[in-house]
Amino acid sequence: MDSAVTLHEARAAGFSPYALSFRYGQRHAVELEAARRVARAGGAVEHRTVQVDLSAIGGSALTDEISVPRDRPEAELGVGVPVTYVPARNTVFLAVALGWAEVLGARDLFLGVNALDYSGYPDCRPAFLEAFERLAAVATAAGAEGGVRVRVRAPLLEMTKAQIVLRAEELGCDLGLTHTCYDPPAGPAVQACGRCDACTLRLRGFREAGRTDPLAYAR
């Protein structure tokens, strides 16, 4: 959901976005199918999927044989780093995006992170984004030799999930094309579980925004 709205924010700001997704060893391909739909509907100039197999190192419920938490009380969602955190995932993703940006001659990286979603991910925080900008200045030929400054833009960073839902509506972003669930049930029909942390946060956002989530939920 956040990535889809971020794509529309980039378009609204006058950018011609190139969309990047990752096959990183996640258990479910449904999110990659959703990414293709979102990129097409969001007017991406090009959409690429890069394989970076983080399941080789494991350590996350999204890439390893670790159970995805379900039915956690909302009060617990902001306490500590959850087991759905994939070690250094956004660092790896941004590094690949930085490389592609240098090839394209682009200077802006848009990232759909949100510091206020209470999920506890350290690589969704302002300090991380600022540090990566400093890294980009010395990590590429464009930065070190050409003085090119790469900006990491996170337009949703200070927004609540409810505000993101309403902003999607303003931008004409169809959230029915997105996928959020960490552990979708097996079966012919793609559904969200309605019980993992991601579903809980998403559903709360729709509820607080006074809107109905267009996704199908098993529960």
N, C-alpha and C. Protein backbone atom coordinates (compact mmCIF):
# COMPACT_ATOMS: atom_id res chain seq x y z
N MET A 1 0.82 -1.20 0.00
CA MET A 1 0.00 0.00 0.00
C MET A 1 0.86 1.25 0.00
N ASP A 2 1.86 1.29 0.87
CA ASP A 2 2.72 2.47 0.96
C ASP A 2 3.51 2.68 -0.32
N SER A 3 4.01 1.61 -0.91
CA SER A 3 4.78 1.73 -2.14
C SER A 3 3.91 2.24 -3.29
N ALA A 4 2.67 1.77 -3.35
CA ALA A 4 1.76 2.20 -4.41
C ALA A 4 1.48 3.70 -4.31
N VAL A 5 1.21 4.17 -3.10
CA VAL A 5 0.93 5.60 -2.91
C VAL A 5 2.19 6.43 -3.18
N THR A 6 3.34 5.90 -2.81
CA THR A 6 4.60 6.60 -3.08
C THR A 6 4.83 6.76 -4.58
N LEU A 7 4.51 5.74 -5.37
CA LEU A 7 4.63 5.83 -6.82
C LEU A 7 3.76 6.96 -7.35
N HIS A 8 2.54 7.05 -6.86
CA HIS A 8 1.64 8.11 -7.30
C HIS A 8 2.12 9.49 -6.82
N GLU A 9 2.73 9.53 -5.64
CA GLU A 9 3.29 10.79 -5.15
C GLU A 9 4.41 11.27 -6.07
N ALA A 10 5.24 10.35 -6.53
CA ALA A 10 6.33 10.71 -7.43
C ALA A 10 5.78 11.28 -8.73
N ARG A 11 4.75 10.64 -9.27
CA ARG A 11 4.12 11.13 -10.49
C ARG A 11 3.53 12.52 -10.26
N ALA A 12 2.85 12.69 -9.13
CA ALA A 12 2.20 13.97 -8.83
C ALA A 12 3.22 15.10 -8.67
N ALA A 13 4.44 14.73 -8.24
CA ALA A 13 5.50 15.73 -8.06
C ALA A 13 6.24 16.04 -9.36
N GLY A 14 5.82 15.41 -10.44
CA GLY A 14 6.40 15.70 -11.74
C GLY A 14 7.52 14.79 -12.18
N PHE A 15 7.76 13.72 -11.45
CA PHE A 15 8.82 12.77 -11.81
C PHE A 15 8.30 11.73 -12.81
N SER A 16 9.23 11.17 -13.57
CA SER A 16 8.94 10.03 -14.44
C SER A 16 9.53 8.80 -13.76
N PRO A 17 8.72 8.06 -13.00
CA PRO A 17 9.27 7.00 -12.14
C PRO A 17 9.62 5.71 -12.85
N TYR A 18 10.72 5.11 -12.43
CA TYR A 18 11.13 3.77 -12.82
C TYR A 18 10.95 2.90 -11.58
N ALA A 19 10.14 1.87 -11.69
CA ALA A 19 9.77 1.07 -10.52
C ALA A 19 10.68 -0.16 -10.39
N LEU A 20 11.05 -0.45 -9.15
CA LEU A 20 11.96 -1.56 -8.87
C LEU A 20 11.37 -2.46 -7.79
N SER A 21 11.27 -3.75 -8.10
CA SER A 21 10.80 -4.74 -7.13
C SER A 21 11.88 -5.80 -6.95
N PHE A 22 11.72 -6.60 -5.88
CA PHE A 22 12.75 -7.58 -5.56
C PHE A 22 12.15 -8.96 -5.28
N ARG A 23 12.73 -9.95 -5.88
CA ARG A 23 12.47 -11.35 -5.52
C ARG A 23 13.58 -11.71 -4.54
N TYR A 24 13.29 -11.55 -3.25
CA TYR A 24 14.35 -11.64 -2.26
C TYR A 24 14.28 -12.91 -1.41
N GLY A 25 13.54 -13.88 -1.90
CA GLY A 25 13.40 -15.13 -1.16
C GLY A 25 12.19 -15.14 -0.27
N GLN A 26 11.29 -14.17 -0.48
CA GLN A 26 10.05 -14.15 0.30
C GLN A 26 9.21 -15.36 -0.03
N ARG A 27 8.40 -15.77 0.92
CA ARG A 27 7.64 -17.01 0.79
C ARG A 27 6.58 -16.95 -0.31
N HIS A 28 6.05 -15.77 -0.58
CA HIS A 28 4.90 -15.67 -1.46
C HIS A 28 5.18 -14.75 -2.65
N ALA A 29 4.84 -15.24 -3.84
CA ALA A 29 5.03 -14.46 -5.06
C ALA A 29 3.89 -13.48 -5.29
N VAL A 30 2.84 -13.55 -4.47
CA VAL A 30 1.67 -12.71 -4.69
C VAL A 30 2.02 -11.23 -4.62
N GLU A 31 3.00 -10.86 -3.79
CA GLU A 31 3.36 -9.44 -3.70
C GLU A 31 4.03 -8.95 -4.97
N LEU A 32 4.75 -9.84 -5.66
CA LEU A 32 5.37 -9.45 -6.92
C LEU A 32 4.33 -9.28 -8.02
N GLU A 33 3.31 -10.11 -7.99
CA GLU A 33 2.21 -9.95 -8.94
C GLU A 33 1.50 -8.62 -8.70
N ALA A 34 1.31 -8.28 -7.43
CA ALA A 34 0.69 -7.00 -7.09
C ALA A 34 1.57 -5.84 -7.53
N ALA A 35 2.89 -5.98 -7.39
CA ALA A 35 3.81 -4.92 -7.79
C ALA A 35 3.70 -4.63 -9.27
N ARG A 36 3.54 -5.66 -10.07
CA ARG A 36 3.38 -5.47 -11.51
C ARG A 36 2.10 -4.68 -11.82
N ARG A 37 1.02 -5.02 -11.13
CA ARG A 37 -0.23 -4.30 -11.33
C ARG A 37 -0.08 -2.83 -10.92
N VAL A 38 0.54 -2.62 -9.78
CA VAL A 38 0.70 -1.27 -9.25
C VAL A 38 1.56 -0.41 -10.17
N ALA A 39 2.67 -0.99 -10.66
CA ALA A 39 3.58 -0.24 -11.53
C ALA A 39 2.87 0.16 -12.82
N ARG A 40 2.08 -0.76 -13.37
CA ARG A 40 1.37 -0.48 -14.61
C ARG A 40 0.33 0.62 -14.39
N ALA A 41 -0.47 0.48 -13.33
CA ALA A 41 -1.53 1.46 -13.06
C ALA A 41 -0.95 2.81 -12.64
N GLY A 42 0.24 2.78 -12.01
CA GLY A 42 0.84 4.02 -11.53
C GLY A 42 1.65 4.77 -12.56
N GLY A 43 1.70 4.24 -13.79
CA GLY A 43 2.37 4.96 -14.86
C GLY A 43 3.88 4.90 -14.81
N ALA A 44 4.45 3.82 -14.28
CA ALA A 44 5.91 3.69 -14.27
C ALA A 44 6.43 3.60 -15.70
N VAL A 45 7.51 4.30 -15.97
CA VAL A 45 8.14 4.24 -17.29
C VAL A 45 8.62 2.83 -17.58
N GLU A 46 9.17 2.20 -16.55
CA GLU A 46 9.68 0.83 -16.65
C GLU A 46 9.58 0.19 -15.28
N HIS A 47 9.37 -1.10 -15.25
CA HIS A 47 9.31 -1.84 -13.98
C HIS A 47 10.21 -3.06 -14.09
N ARG A 48 11.19 -3.14 -13.21
CA ARG A 48 12.09 -4.29 -13.20
C ARG A 48 11.99 -5.03 -11.87
N THR A 49 12.18 -6.34 -11.94
CA THR A 49 12.25 -7.16 -10.74
C THR A 49 13.64 -7.78 -10.68
N VAL A 50 14.34 -7.52 -9.59
CA VAL A 50 15.71 -7.98 -9.40
C VAL A 50 15.72 -9.09 -8.36
N GLN A 51 16.51 -10.12 -8.60
CA GLN A 51 16.62 -11.22 -7.64
C GLN A 51 17.81 -11.01 -6.72
N VAL A 52 17.52 -10.91 -5.43
CA VAL A 52 18.55 -10.82 -4.38
C VAL A 52 18.08 -11.75 -3.27
N ASP A 53 18.63 -12.93 -3.19
CA ASP A 53 18.08 -13.98 -2.34
C ASP A 53 18.51 -13.83 -0.88
N LEU A 54 17.71 -13.11 -0.12
CA LEU A 54 18.01 -12.92 1.30
C LEU A 54 17.61 -14.14 2.14
N SER A 55 16.93 -15.11 1.53
CA SER A 55 16.62 -16.33 2.28
C SER A 55 17.89 -17.13 2.54
N ALA A 56 18.96 -16.80 1.82
CA ALA A 56 20.23 -17.48 2.03
C ALA A 56 20.81 -17.20 3.41
N ILE A 57 20.42 -16.06 3.98
CA ILE A 57 20.90 -15.74 5.34
C ILE A 57 19.79 -15.92 6.37
N GLY A 58 18.53 -15.95 5.93
CA GLY A 58 17.42 -16.22 6.85
C GLY A 58 17.25 -15.14 7.90
N GLY A 59 16.76 -15.56 9.06
CA GLY A 59 16.62 -14.64 10.19
C GLY A 59 15.35 -13.84 10.22
N SER A 60 14.39 -14.18 9.35
CA SER A 60 13.13 -13.44 9.30
C SER A 60 11.98 -14.40 9.05
N ALA A 61 10.82 -14.07 9.59
CA ALA A 61 9.63 -14.89 9.34
C ALA A 61 9.18 -14.79 7.89
N LEU A 62 9.70 -13.82 7.15
CA LEU A 62 9.32 -13.68 5.74
C LEU A 62 10.22 -14.49 4.81
N THR A 63 11.38 -14.92 5.30
CA THR A 63 12.33 -15.62 4.44
C THR A 63 12.82 -16.93 5.03
N ASP A 64 12.41 -17.27 6.24
CA ASP A 64 12.95 -18.43 6.95
C ASP A 64 11.80 -19.25 7.53
N GLU A 65 12.14 -20.36 8.12
CA GLU A 65 11.11 -21.23 8.71
C GLU A 65 10.77 -20.73 10.11
N ILE A 66 10.25 -19.55 10.16
CA ILE A 66 9.83 -18.91 11.41
C ILE A 66 8.37 -18.51 11.24
N SER A 67 7.56 -18.79 12.22
CA SER A 67 6.13 -18.52 12.11
C SER A 67 5.85 -17.02 12.09
N VAL A 68 4.95 -16.62 11.20
CA VAL A 68 4.49 -15.23 11.16
C VAL A 68 3.55 -14.99 12.33
N PRO A 69 3.81 -13.99 13.17
CA PRO A 69 2.91 -13.73 14.30
C PRO A 69 1.50 -13.38 13.84
N ARG A 70 0.53 -13.85 14.57
CA ARG A 70 -0.86 -13.56 14.26
C ARG A 70 -1.61 -13.13 15.51
N ASP A 71 -2.63 -12.32 15.30
CA ASP A 71 -3.56 -11.92 16.37
C ASP A 71 -2.86 -11.22 17.52
N ARG A 72 -1.80 -10.48 17.23
CA ARG A 72 -1.14 -9.73 18.30
C ARG A 72 -1.97 -8.50 18.66
N PRO A 73 -2.08 -8.18 19.94
CA PRO A 73 -2.79 -6.95 20.32
C PRO A 73 -2.11 -5.73 19.70
N GLU A 74 -2.90 -4.76 19.28
CA GLU A 74 -2.34 -3.59 18.62
C GLU A 74 -1.34 -2.86 19.51
N ALA A 75 -1.52 -2.93 20.81
CA ALA A 75 -0.60 -2.26 21.73
C ALA A 75 0.80 -2.85 21.68
N GLU A 76 0.93 -4.09 21.21
CA GLU A 76 2.24 -4.75 21.15
C GLU A 76 3.00 -4.47 19.85
N LEU A 77 2.34 -3.88 18.86
CA LEU A 77 2.95 -3.78 17.54
C LEU A 77 4.13 -2.83 17.49
N GLY A 78 4.21 -1.88 18.42
CA GLY A 78 5.33 -0.95 18.40
C GLY A 78 6.43 -1.28 19.39
N VAL A 79 6.38 -2.47 19.98
CA VAL A 79 7.34 -2.85 21.00
C VAL A 79 8.42 -3.75 20.40
N GLY A 80 9.64 -3.23 20.27
CA GLY A 80 10.75 -4.02 19.76
C GLY A 80 10.67 -4.24 18.26
N VAL A 81 11.69 -4.92 17.73
CA VAL A 81 11.75 -5.24 16.30
C VAL A 81 11.09 -6.61 16.10
N PRO A 82 10.08 -6.71 15.23
CA PRO A 82 9.35 -7.97 15.07
C PRO A 82 10.14 -8.99 14.26
N VAL A 83 9.70 -10.25 14.33
CA VAL A 83 10.39 -11.32 13.61
C VAL A 83 10.16 -11.23 12.10
N THR A 84 9.25 -10.36 11.66
CA THR A 84 9.04 -10.15 10.23
C THR A 84 10.06 -9.17 9.65
N TYR A 85 10.89 -8.59 10.49
CA TYR A 85 11.98 -7.75 10.01
C TYR A 85 12.98 -8.62 9.24
N VAL A 86 13.29 -8.21 8.00
CA VAL A 86 14.29 -8.91 7.19
C VAL A 86 15.60 -8.16 7.34
N PRO A 87 16.64 -8.81 7.91
CA PRO A 87 17.89 -8.11 8.21
C PRO A 87 18.45 -7.31 7.03
N ALA A 88 18.58 -6.00 7.26
CA ALA A 88 19.21 -5.07 6.30
C ALA A 88 18.50 -5.01 4.95
N ARG A 89 17.24 -5.40 4.89
CA ARG A 89 16.54 -5.46 3.60
C ARG A 89 16.52 -4.12 2.87
N ASN A 90 16.13 -3.06 3.54
CA ASN A 90 16.05 -1.77 2.85
C ASN A 90 17.42 -1.24 2.46
N THR A 91 18.45 -1.62 3.21
CA THR A 91 19.82 -1.23 2.83
C THR A 91 20.19 -1.88 1.50
N VAL A 92 19.87 -3.17 1.38
CA VAL A 92 20.16 -3.90 0.14
C VAL A 92 19.33 -3.34 -1.01
N PHE A 93 18.05 -3.13 -0.77
CA PHE A 93 17.16 -2.64 -1.82
C PHE A 93 17.61 -1.27 -2.32
N LEU A 94 17.92 -0.38 -1.39
CA LEU A 94 18.33 0.97 -1.78
C LEU A 94 19.67 0.95 -2.51
N ALA A 95 20.55 0.04 -2.13
CA ALA A 95 21.84 -0.05 -2.80
C ALA A 95 21.65 -0.44 -4.27
N VAL A 96 20.76 -1.39 -4.53
CA VAL A 96 20.48 -1.78 -5.91
C VAL A 96 19.80 -0.62 -6.65
N ALA A 97 18.86 0.04 -5.99
CA ALA A 97 18.19 1.18 -6.60
C ALA A 97 19.18 2.30 -6.92
N LEU A 98 20.15 2.49 -6.04
CA LEU A 98 21.18 3.51 -6.27
C LEU A 98 21.98 3.18 -7.52
N GLY A 99 22.32 1.90 -7.69
CA GLY A 99 23.05 1.50 -8.88
C GLY A 99 22.26 1.74 -10.15
N TRP A 100 20.97 1.41 -10.12
CA TRP A 100 20.13 1.63 -11.30
C TRP A 100 19.97 3.13 -11.57
N ALA A 101 19.85 3.91 -10.49
CA ALA A 101 19.73 5.35 -10.66
C ALA A 101 20.96 5.93 -11.36
N GLU A 102 22.14 5.41 -11.00
CA GLU A 102 23.35 5.91 -11.65
C GLU A 102 23.36 5.56 -13.14
N VAL A 103 22.90 4.36 -13.48
CA VAL A 103 22.81 3.96 -14.88
C VAL A 103 21.84 4.87 -15.64
N LEU A 104 20.72 5.19 -15.00
CA LEU A 104 19.69 6.01 -15.64
C LEU A 104 20.02 7.50 -15.63
N GLY A 105 20.95 7.90 -14.77
CA GLY A 105 21.21 9.33 -14.59
C GLY A 105 20.19 10.00 -13.69
N ALA A 106 19.56 9.21 -12.84
CA ALA A 106 18.54 9.73 -11.92
C ALA A 106 19.19 10.18 -10.61
N ARG A 107 18.53 11.12 -9.93
CA ARG A 107 19.08 11.67 -8.69
C ARG A 107 18.14 11.52 -7.50
N ASP A 108 17.01 10.86 -7.70
CA ASP A 108 16.02 10.76 -6.63
C ASP A 108 15.56 9.32 -6.47
N LEU A 109 15.64 8.82 -5.25
CA LEU A 109 15.16 7.49 -4.91
C LEU A 109 13.91 7.65 -4.04
N PHE A 110 12.80 7.12 -4.50
CA PHE A 110 11.57 7.17 -3.72
C PHE A 110 11.36 5.84 -3.02
N LEU A 111 11.04 5.91 -1.75
CA LEU A 111 10.90 4.71 -0.92
C LEU A 111 9.61 4.81 -0.11
N GLY A 112 8.82 3.74 -0.14
CA GLY A 112 7.54 3.75 0.55
C GLY A 112 7.62 3.34 2.00
N VAL A 113 8.47 4.00 2.77
CA VAL A 113 8.58 3.68 4.19
C VAL A 113 7.78 4.67 5.02
N ASN A 114 7.43 4.23 6.21
CA ASN A 114 6.58 5.02 7.08
C ASN A 114 7.03 4.84 8.52
N ALA A 115 7.54 5.90 9.12
CA ALA A 115 8.10 5.82 10.47
C ALA A 115 7.01 5.73 11.54
N LEU A 116 5.76 6.02 11.17
CA LEU A 116 4.70 6.07 12.16
C LEU A 116 3.76 4.87 12.09
N ASP A 117 4.21 3.78 11.44
CA ASP A 117 3.31 2.63 11.34
C ASP A 117 3.47 1.66 12.50
N TYR A 118 4.30 2.04 13.48
CA TYR A 118 4.44 1.27 14.72
C TYR A 118 4.90 -0.16 14.50
N SER A 119 5.58 -0.41 13.39
CA SER A 119 6.02 -1.78 13.12
C SER A 119 7.43 -2.06 13.64
N GLY A 120 8.15 -1.04 14.07
CA GLY A 120 9.44 -1.25 14.73
C GLY A 120 10.61 -1.51 13.82
N TYR A 121 10.48 -1.28 12.52
CA TYR A 121 11.59 -1.57 11.61
C TYR A 121 12.63 -0.46 11.64
N PRO A 122 13.88 -0.77 11.96
CA PRO A 122 14.91 0.28 12.04
C PRO A 122 15.24 0.91 10.70
N ASP A 123 15.01 0.18 9.59
CA ASP A 123 15.34 0.73 8.28
C ASP A 123 14.15 1.46 7.63
N CYS A 124 13.23 1.92 8.49
CA CYS A 124 12.12 2.77 8.02
C CYS A 124 12.16 4.12 8.73
N ARG A 125 13.27 4.42 9.36
CA ARG A 125 13.36 5.62 10.20
C ARG A 125 14.18 6.72 9.53
N PRO A 126 13.91 7.98 9.87
CA PRO A 126 14.61 9.10 9.25
C PRO A 126 16.13 8.99 9.34
N ALA A 127 16.66 8.51 10.46
CA ALA A 127 18.11 8.42 10.63
C ALA A 127 18.73 7.51 9.58
N PHE A 128 18.03 6.43 9.23
CA PHE A 128 18.53 5.52 8.21
C PHE A 128 18.56 6.19 6.84
N LEU A 129 17.50 6.88 6.50
CA LEU A 129 17.41 7.53 5.19
C LEU A 129 18.48 8.62 5.05
N GLU A 130 18.70 9.38 6.11
CA GLU A 130 19.73 10.43 6.08
C GLU A 130 21.12 9.81 5.92
N ALA A 131 21.36 8.71 6.61
CA ALA A 131 22.66 8.05 6.53
C ALA A 131 22.89 7.49 5.12
N PHE A 132 21.83 6.98 4.50
CA PHE A 132 22.00 6.43 3.15
C PHE A 132 22.31 7.53 2.15
N GLU A 133 21.74 8.70 2.32
CA GLU A 133 22.07 9.82 1.44
C GLU A 133 23.56 10.16 1.53
N ARG A 134 24.09 10.12 2.74
CA ARG A 134 25.52 10.40 2.92
C ARG A 134 26.36 9.32 2.24
N LEU A 135 25.92 8.07 2.36
CA LEU A 135 26.61 6.97 1.71
C LEU A 135 26.61 7.15 0.19
N ALA A 136 25.45 7.52 -0.36
CA ALA A 136 25.31 7.66 -1.81
C ALA A 136 26.28 8.69 -2.37
N ALA A 137 26.63 9.69 -1.57
CA ALA A 137 27.52 10.75 -2.03
C ALA A 137 28.94 10.23 -2.30
N VAL A 138 29.31 9.11 -1.66
CA VAL A 138 30.67 8.59 -1.83
C VAL A 138 30.69 7.18 -2.43
N ALA A 139 29.52 6.59 -2.67
CA ALA A 139 29.46 5.19 -3.09
C ALA A 139 29.38 5.01 -4.60
N THR A 140 29.18 6.09 -5.35
CA THR A 140 29.03 5.98 -6.79
C THR A 140 30.01 6.93 -7.49
N ALA A 141 30.29 6.64 -8.75
CA ALA A 141 31.14 7.54 -9.53
C ALA A 141 30.44 8.87 -9.73
N ALA A 142 29.12 8.83 -9.90
CA ALA A 142 28.36 10.07 -10.10
C ALA A 142 28.47 10.98 -8.88
N GLY A 143 28.50 10.37 -7.70
CA GLY A 143 28.60 11.17 -6.49
C GLY A 143 30.02 11.58 -6.17
N ALA A 144 30.93 10.60 -6.18
CA ALA A 144 32.31 10.87 -5.77
C ALA A 144 33.08 11.70 -6.79
N GLU A 145 32.83 11.46 -8.08
CA GLU A 145 33.57 12.16 -9.13
C GLU A 145 32.78 13.31 -9.76
N GLY A 146 31.47 13.13 -9.83
CA GLY A 146 30.66 14.14 -10.51
C GLY A 146 29.93 15.09 -9.59
N GLY A 147 30.00 14.84 -8.29
CA GLY A 147 29.34 15.72 -7.34
C GLY A 147 27.82 15.63 -7.36
N VAL A 148 27.29 14.54 -7.93
CA VAL A 148 25.85 14.36 -7.99
C VAL A 148 25.31 14.02 -6.61
N ARG A 149 24.30 14.74 -6.17
CA ARG A 149 23.68 14.46 -4.89
C ARG A 149 22.40 13.66 -5.11
N VAL A 150 22.36 12.48 -4.53
CA VAL A 150 21.19 11.64 -4.62
C VAL A 150 20.31 11.88 -3.40
N ARG A 151 19.04 12.11 -3.66
CA ARG A 151 18.09 12.33 -2.58
C ARG A 151 17.26 11.07 -2.35
N VAL A 152 17.08 10.70 -1.09
CA VAL A 152 16.18 9.61 -0.74
C VAL A 152 14.89 10.25 -0.25
N ARG A 153 13.85 10.05 -1.01
CA ARG A 153 12.57 10.71 -0.72
C ARG A 153 11.57 9.68 -0.17
N ALA A 154 11.00 10.02 0.96
CA ALA A 154 9.99 9.15 1.58
C ALA A 154 8.77 10.02 1.89
N PRO A 155 7.93 10.28 0.90
CA PRO A 155 6.84 11.23 1.08
C PRO A 155 5.79 10.83 2.11
N LEU A 156 5.77 9.56 2.51
CA LEU A 156 4.77 9.10 3.48
C LEU A 156 5.35 9.00 4.88
N LEU A 157 6.58 9.42 5.07
CA LEU A 157 7.31 9.12 6.29
C LEU A 157 6.58 9.56 7.56
N GLU A 158 5.97 10.72 7.54
CA GLU A 158 5.35 11.24 8.75
C GLU A 158 3.83 11.04 8.75
N MET A 159 3.32 10.22 7.87
CA MET A 159 1.88 10.03 7.78
C MET A 159 1.42 8.78 8.51
N THR A 160 0.22 8.83 9.06
CA THR A 160 -0.39 7.64 9.66
C THR A 160 -0.98 6.79 8.54
N LYS A 161 -1.33 5.55 8.87
CA LYS A 161 -1.94 4.69 7.87
C LYS A 161 -3.27 5.27 7.38
N ALA A 162 -4.02 5.88 8.28
CA ALA A 162 -5.29 6.50 7.88
C ALA A 162 -5.05 7.63 6.89
N GLN A 163 -4.03 8.45 7.15
CA GLN A 163 -3.71 9.54 6.23
C GLN A 163 -3.26 9.00 4.87
N ILE A 164 -2.56 7.88 4.87
CA ILE A 164 -2.12 7.27 3.61
C ILE A 164 -3.32 6.78 2.81
N VAL A 165 -4.29 6.19 3.48
CA VAL A 165 -5.51 5.74 2.81
C VAL A 165 -6.21 6.92 2.14
N LEU A 166 -6.33 8.03 2.86
CA LEU A 166 -7.01 9.20 2.31
C LEU A 166 -6.19 9.85 1.20
N ARG A 167 -4.86 9.83 1.34
CA ARG A 167 -4.01 10.39 0.29
C ARG A 167 -4.11 9.55 -0.98
N ALA A 168 -4.21 8.25 -0.85
CA ALA A 168 -4.39 7.38 -2.01
C ALA A 168 -5.66 7.78 -2.76
N GLU A 169 -6.69 8.07 -2.03
CA GLU A 169 -7.96 8.48 -2.63
C GLU A 169 -7.78 9.78 -3.41
N GLU A 170 -7.06 10.72 -2.83
CA GLU A 170 -6.82 12.01 -3.49
C GLU A 170 -6.02 11.84 -4.77
N LEU A 171 -5.07 10.91 -4.77
CA LEU A 171 -4.18 10.72 -5.91
C LEU A 171 -4.76 9.78 -6.97
N GLY A 172 -5.89 9.17 -6.67
CA GLY A 172 -6.46 8.20 -7.60
C GLY A 172 -5.71 6.88 -7.62
N CYS A 173 -5.12 6.54 -6.50
CA CYS A 173 -4.36 5.29 -6.37
C CYS A 173 -5.31 4.18 -5.91
N ASP A 174 -5.46 3.16 -6.71
CA ASP A 174 -6.37 2.05 -6.41
C ASP A 174 -5.70 1.07 -5.46
N LEU A 175 -6.06 1.13 -4.19
CA LEU A 175 -5.46 0.24 -3.20
C LEU A 175 -5.95 -1.19 -3.33
N GLY A 176 -6.96 -1.41 -4.16
CA GLY A 176 -7.41 -2.76 -4.43
C GLY A 176 -6.41 -3.56 -5.25
N LEU A 177 -5.43 -2.87 -5.85
CA LEU A 177 -4.39 -3.55 -6.63
C LEU A 177 -3.22 -3.99 -5.76
N THR A 178 -3.19 -3.53 -4.53
CA THR A 178 -2.04 -3.76 -3.67
C THR A 178 -2.16 -5.06 -2.89
N HIS A 179 -1.06 -5.42 -2.24
CA HIS A 179 -1.02 -6.60 -1.37
C HIS A 179 -0.19 -6.26 -0.15
N THR A 180 -0.69 -6.58 1.03
CA THR A 180 -0.02 -6.21 2.27
C THR A 180 0.31 -7.41 3.15
N CYS A 181 -0.51 -8.44 3.08
CA CYS A 181 -0.46 -9.56 4.02
C CYS A 181 0.89 -10.27 4.04
N TYR A 182 1.38 -10.58 5.24
CA TYR A 182 2.62 -11.33 5.41
C TYR A 182 2.44 -12.82 5.17
N ASP A 183 1.24 -13.32 5.34
CA ASP A 183 1.03 -14.77 5.30
C ASP A 183 -0.32 -15.11 4.67
N PRO A 184 -0.49 -14.83 3.37
CA PRO A 184 -1.78 -15.09 2.73
C PRO A 184 -2.12 -16.58 2.74
N PRO A 185 -3.38 -16.90 2.99
CA PRO A 185 -3.79 -18.32 3.01
C PRO A 185 -3.61 -18.97 1.65
N ALA A 186 -3.31 -20.26 1.67
CA ALA A 186 -3.18 -21.02 0.43
C ALA A 186 -4.56 -21.24 -0.18
N GLY A 187 -4.62 -21.25 -1.49
CA GLY A 187 -5.89 -21.47 -2.17
C GLY A 187 -5.93 -20.77 -3.50
N PRO A 188 -6.93 -21.07 -4.32
CA PRO A 188 -7.01 -20.48 -5.67
C PRO A 188 -7.30 -18.98 -5.66
N ALA A 189 -8.03 -18.51 -4.63
CA ALA A 189 -8.37 -17.10 -4.55
C ALA A 189 -7.36 -16.38 -3.66
N VAL A 190 -6.79 -15.28 -4.16
CA VAL A 190 -5.82 -14.52 -3.37
C VAL A 190 -6.56 -13.73 -2.31
N GLN A 191 -6.23 -14.00 -1.07
CA GLN A 191 -6.83 -13.30 0.05
C GLN A 191 -5.74 -12.85 1.02
N ALA A 192 -6.11 -11.96 1.91
CA ALA A 192 -5.24 -11.58 3.01
C ALA A 192 -5.74 -12.29 4.26
N CYS A 193 -4.81 -12.59 5.18
CA CYS A 193 -5.21 -13.39 6.34
C CYS A 193 -6.06 -12.59 7.33
N GLY A 194 -5.79 -11.27 7.43
CA GLY A 194 -6.53 -10.45 8.38
C GLY A 194 -6.04 -10.59 9.80
N ARG A 195 -4.94 -11.32 10.02
CA ARG A 195 -4.49 -11.62 11.37
C ARG A 195 -3.03 -11.25 11.64
N CYS A 196 -2.21 -11.10 10.59
CA CYS A 196 -0.81 -10.73 10.81
C CYS A 196 -0.69 -9.25 11.14
N ASP A 197 0.51 -8.82 11.53
CA ASP A 197 0.72 -7.42 11.91
C ASP A 197 0.38 -6.47 10.76
N ALA A 198 0.80 -6.85 9.54
CA ALA A 198 0.58 -5.98 8.38
C ALA A 198 -0.91 -5.79 8.11
N CYS A 199 -1.66 -6.87 8.19
CA CYS A 199 -3.10 -6.77 7.99
C CYS A 199 -3.75 -5.94 9.09
N THR A 200 -3.31 -6.14 10.32
CA THR A 200 -3.87 -5.40 11.45
C THR A 200 -3.67 -3.90 11.28
N LEU A 201 -2.46 -3.51 10.90
CA LEU A 201 -2.16 -2.09 10.71
C LEU A 201 -2.92 -1.51 9.53
N ARG A 202 -3.00 -2.27 8.46
CA ARG A 202 -3.72 -1.80 7.27
C ARG A 202 -5.21 -1.62 7.59
N LEU A 203 -5.81 -2.62 8.20
CA LEU A 203 -7.23 -2.55 8.52
C LEU A 203 -7.54 -1.41 9.49
N ARG A 204 -6.64 -1.17 10.44
CA ARG A 204 -6.84 -0.06 11.35
C ARG A 204 -6.80 1.27 10.59
N GLY A 205 -5.89 1.37 9.62
CA GLY A 205 -5.80 2.59 8.83
C GLY A 205 -7.09 2.87 8.08
N PHE A 206 -7.65 1.84 7.45
CA PHE A 206 -8.92 2.03 6.74
C PHE A 206 -10.04 2.39 7.72
N ARG A 207 -10.05 1.71 8.85
CA ARG A 207 -11.10 1.98 9.84
C ARG A 207 -11.03 3.42 10.34
N GLU A 208 -9.82 3.90 10.67
CA GLU A 208 -9.66 5.25 11.18
C GLU A 208 -9.93 6.30 10.10
N ALA A 209 -9.73 5.92 8.83
CA ALA A 209 -10.00 6.84 7.72
C ALA A 209 -11.48 6.84 7.34
N GLY A 210 -12.24 5.93 7.92
CA GLY A 210 -13.66 5.84 7.59
C GLY A 210 -13.90 5.27 6.21
N ARG A 211 -13.00 4.40 5.77
CA ARG A 211 -13.11 3.80 4.45
C ARG A 211 -13.14 2.27 4.58
N THR A 212 -13.57 1.60 3.52
CA THR A 212 -13.61 0.14 3.50
C THR A 212 -12.48 -0.40 2.65
N ASP A 213 -11.71 -1.31 3.19
CA ASP A 213 -10.60 -1.91 2.46
C ASP A 213 -11.17 -2.76 1.32
N PRO A 214 -10.70 -2.54 0.07
CA PRO A 214 -11.23 -3.31 -1.07
C PRO A 214 -10.70 -4.73 -1.16
N LEU A 215 -9.70 -5.10 -0.34
CA LEU A 215 -9.13 -6.44 -0.41
C LEU A 215 -10.06 -7.48 0.20
N ALA A 216 -9.89 -8.71 -0.25
CA ALA A 216 -10.65 -9.84 0.31
C ALA A 216 -9.85 -10.43 1.47
N TYR A 217 -10.50 -10.66 2.60
CA TYR A 217 -9.85 -11.20 3.77
C TYR A 217 -10.44 -12.55 4.14
N ALA A 218 -9.56 -13.47 4.54
CA ALA A 218 -10.02 -14.78 4.98
C ALA A 218 -10.74 -14.66 6.31
N ARG A 219 -10.35 -13.63 7.07
CA ARG A 219 -11.00 -13.41 8.35
C ARG A 219 -11.33 -11.95 8.46
